[in-house]
């Protein structure tokens, strides 16, 4: 089911960008709105994914998950640090 489109956005673009967007939309057989929304959605998802997900080669992923799976160890210096009063 398609989400109802109820929001409106107004953009100002350079003439060269307008021509580029319109040409690309026509080449993709999409309306200008469809082209810009899809392009913007893809970019937004990439930007946000870079902040919430990361990818490692297999060997590094195994080392990472092994480190997460190891039992926690006591670090006495950290315990001492947390017992200190908070600086004002």
C-alpha atoms as a PDB file:
ATOM      1  CA  UNK A   1       0.000   0.000   0.000  1.00  0.00           C
ATOM      2  CA  UNK A   2       1.393   3.387  -0.994  1.00  0.00           C
ATOM      3  CA  UNK A   3       1.680   6.090   1.631  1.00  0.00           C
ATOM      4  CA  UNK A   4      -0.505   9.129   0.977  1.00  0.00           C
ATOM      5  CA  UNK A   5       1.536  12.066  -0.242  1.00  0.00           C
ATOM      6  CA  UNK A   6       0.463  14.995   1.882  1.00  0.00           C
ATOM      7  CA  UNK A   7       3.627  17.043   2.282  1.00  0.00           C
ATOM      8  CA  UNK A   8       4.864  19.630  -0.174  1.00  0.00           C
ATOM      9  CA  UNK A   9       8.447  20.787  -0.687  1.00  0.00           C
ATOM     10  CA  UNK A  10       9.564  23.816  -2.665  1.00  0.00           C
ATOM     11  CA  UNK A  11      13.081  23.923  -4.109  1.00  0.00           C
ATOM     12  CA  UNK A  12      15.170  26.504  -5.847  1.00  0.00           C
ATOM     13  CA  UNK A  13      17.806  25.079  -8.153  1.00  0.00           C
ATOM     14  CA  UNK A  14      20.249  26.400 -10.707  1.00  0.00           C
ATOM     15  CA  UNK A  15      19.089  26.242 -14.316  1.00  0.00           C
ATOM     16  CA  UNK A  16      21.805  23.687 -15.088  1.00  0.00           C
ATOM     17  CA  UNK A  17      20.585  21.436 -12.258  1.00  0.00           C
ATOM     18  CA  UNK A  18      16.987  21.780 -13.445  1.00  0.00           C
ATOM     19  CA  UNK A  19      17.998  20.677 -16.923  1.00  0.00           C
ATOM     20  CA  UNK A  20      20.024  17.772 -15.527  1.00  0.00           C
ATOM     21  CA  UNK A  21      17.195  16.563 -13.271  1.00  0.00           C
ATOM     22  CA  UNK A  22      14.603  16.819 -16.035  1.00  0.00           C
ATOM     23  CA  UNK A  23      16.825  14.944 -18.505  1.00  0.00           C
ATOM     24  CA  UNK A  24      17.547  12.190 -15.993  1.00  0.00           C
ATOM     25  CA  UNK A  25      13.871  11.868 -15.054  1.00  0.00           C
ATOM     26  CA  UNK A  26      12.927  11.557 -18.723  1.00  0.00           C
ATOM     27  CA  UNK A  27      15.646   8.930 -19.278  1.00  0.00           C
ATOM     28  CA  UNK A  28      14.293   6.960 -16.297  1.00  0.00           C
ATOM     29  CA  UNK A  29      10.692   7.334 -17.616  1.00  0.00           C
ATOM     30  CA  UNK A  30       9.684   9.022 -14.343  1.00  0.00           C
ATOM     31  CA  UNK A  31       8.086  12.313 -13.525  1.00  0.00           C
ATOM     32  CA  UNK A  32      10.432  14.954 -12.166  1.00  0.00           C
ATOM     33  CA  UNK A  33       8.836  14.566  -8.732  1.00  0.00           C
ATOM     34  CA  UNK A  34       9.241  10.777  -8.767  1.00  0.00           C
ATOM     35  CA  UNK A  35      12.859  11.107  -9.821  1.00  0.00           C
ATOM     36  CA  UNK A  36      13.755  13.692  -7.186  1.00  0.00           C
ATOM     37  CA  UNK A  37      11.923  11.925  -4.358  1.00  0.00           C
ATOM     38  CA  UNK A  38      13.493   8.548  -5.141  1.00  0.00           C
ATOM     39  CA  UNK A  39      16.955  10.088  -5.533  1.00  0.00           C
ATOM     40  CA  UNK A  40      16.567  11.991  -2.283  1.00  0.00           C
ATOM     41  CA  UNK A  41      15.271   8.913  -0.469  1.00  0.00           C
ATOM     42  CA  UNK A  42      18.234   6.799  -1.627  1.00  0.00           C
ATOM     43  CA  UNK A  43      20.729   9.455  -0.518  1.00  0.00           C
ATOM     44  CA  UNK A  44      18.996   9.936   2.847  1.00  0.00           C
ATOM     45  CA  UNK A  45      19.064   6.183   3.488  1.00  0.00           C
ATOM     46  CA  UNK A  46      22.796   6.007   2.653  1.00  0.00           C
ATOM     47  CA  UNK A  47      23.624   8.978   4.892  1.00  0.00           C
ATOM     48  CA  UNK A  48      21.672   7.531   7.814  1.00  0.00           C
ATOM     49  CA  UNK A  49      22.977   3.997   7.254  1.00  0.00           C
ATOM     50  CA  UNK A  50      26.537   5.306   7.585  1.00  0.00           C
ATOM     51  CA  UNK A  51      25.599   6.411  11.081  1.00  0.00           C
ATOM     52  CA  UNK A  52      23.803   3.244  12.208  1.00  0.00           C
ATOM     53  CA  UNK A  53      25.502   0.326  10.409  1.00  0.00           C
ATOM     54  CA  UNK A  54      29.003  -0.718   9.577  1.00  0.00           C
ATOM     55  CA  UNK A  55      30.514  -3.482   7.482  1.00  0.00           C
ATOM     56  CA  UNK A  56      33.725  -5.373   8.144  1.00  0.00           C
ATOM     57  CA  UNK A  57      35.609  -7.996   6.161  1.00  0.00           C
ATOM     58  CA  UNK A  58      34.899 -11.523   7.447  1.00  0.00           C
ATOM     59  CA  UNK A  59      38.094 -11.859   9.517  1.00  0.00           C
ATOM     60  CA  UNK A  60      37.609  -8.484  11.200  1.00  0.00           C
ATOM     61  CA  UNK A  61      33.931  -9.273  11.835  1.00  0.00           C
ATOM     62  CA  UNK A  62      34.918 -12.531  13.592  1.00  0.00           C
ATOM     63  CA  UNK A  63      37.464 -10.673  15.730  1.00  0.00           C
ATOM     64  CA  UNK A  64      34.855  -8.039  16.579  1.00  0.00           C
ATOM     65  CA  UNK A  65      32.172 -10.558  17.566  1.00  0.00           C
ATOM     66  CA  UNK A  66      34.740 -12.620  19.505  1.00  0.00           C
ATOM     67  CA  UNK A  67      35.620  -9.504  21.501  1.00  0.00           C
ATOM     68  CA  UNK A  68      31.929  -8.862  22.202  1.00  0.00           C
ATOM     69  CA  UNK A  69      31.396 -12.466  23.290  1.00  0.00           C
ATOM     70  CA  UNK A  70      34.307 -12.519  25.747  1.00  0.00           C
ATOM     71  CA  UNK A  71      33.370 -12.153  29.406  1.00  0.00           C
ATOM     72  CA  UNK A  72      33.860  -8.704  30.855  1.00  0.00           C
ATOM     73  CA  UNK A  73      37.053  -8.196  32.803  1.00  0.00           C
ATOM     74  CA  UNK A  74      37.568  -6.068  35.860  1.00  0.00           C
ATOM     75  CA  UNK A  75      39.840  -3.077  35.371  1.00  0.00           C
ATOM     76  CA  UNK A  76      40.696  -1.796  38.871  1.00  0.00           C
ATOM     77  CA  UNK A  77      41.780   1.601  37.567  1.00  0.00           C
ATOM     78  CA  UNK A  78      38.326   2.187  36.102  1.00  0.00           C
ATOM     79  CA  UNK A  79      36.710   1.329  39.410  1.00  0.00           C
ATOM     80  CA  UNK A  80      38.965   3.861  41.112  1.00  0.00           C
ATOM     81  CA  UNK A  81      38.140   6.464  38.503  1.00  0.00           C
ATOM     82  CA  UNK A  82      34.398   6.035  39.004  1.00  0.00           C
ATOM     83  CA  UNK A  83      34.770   6.393  42.790  1.00  0.00           C
ATOM     84  CA  UNK A  84      36.276   9.885  42.400  1.00  0.00           C
ATOM     85  CA  UNK A  85      33.968  12.866  42.916  1.00  0.00           C
ATOM     86  CA  UNK A  86      32.723  14.542  39.781  1.00  0.00           C
ATOM     87  CA  UNK A  87      34.751  17.618  38.832  1.00  0.00           C
ATOM     88  CA  UNK A  88      32.839  20.859  39.208  1.00  0.00           C
END
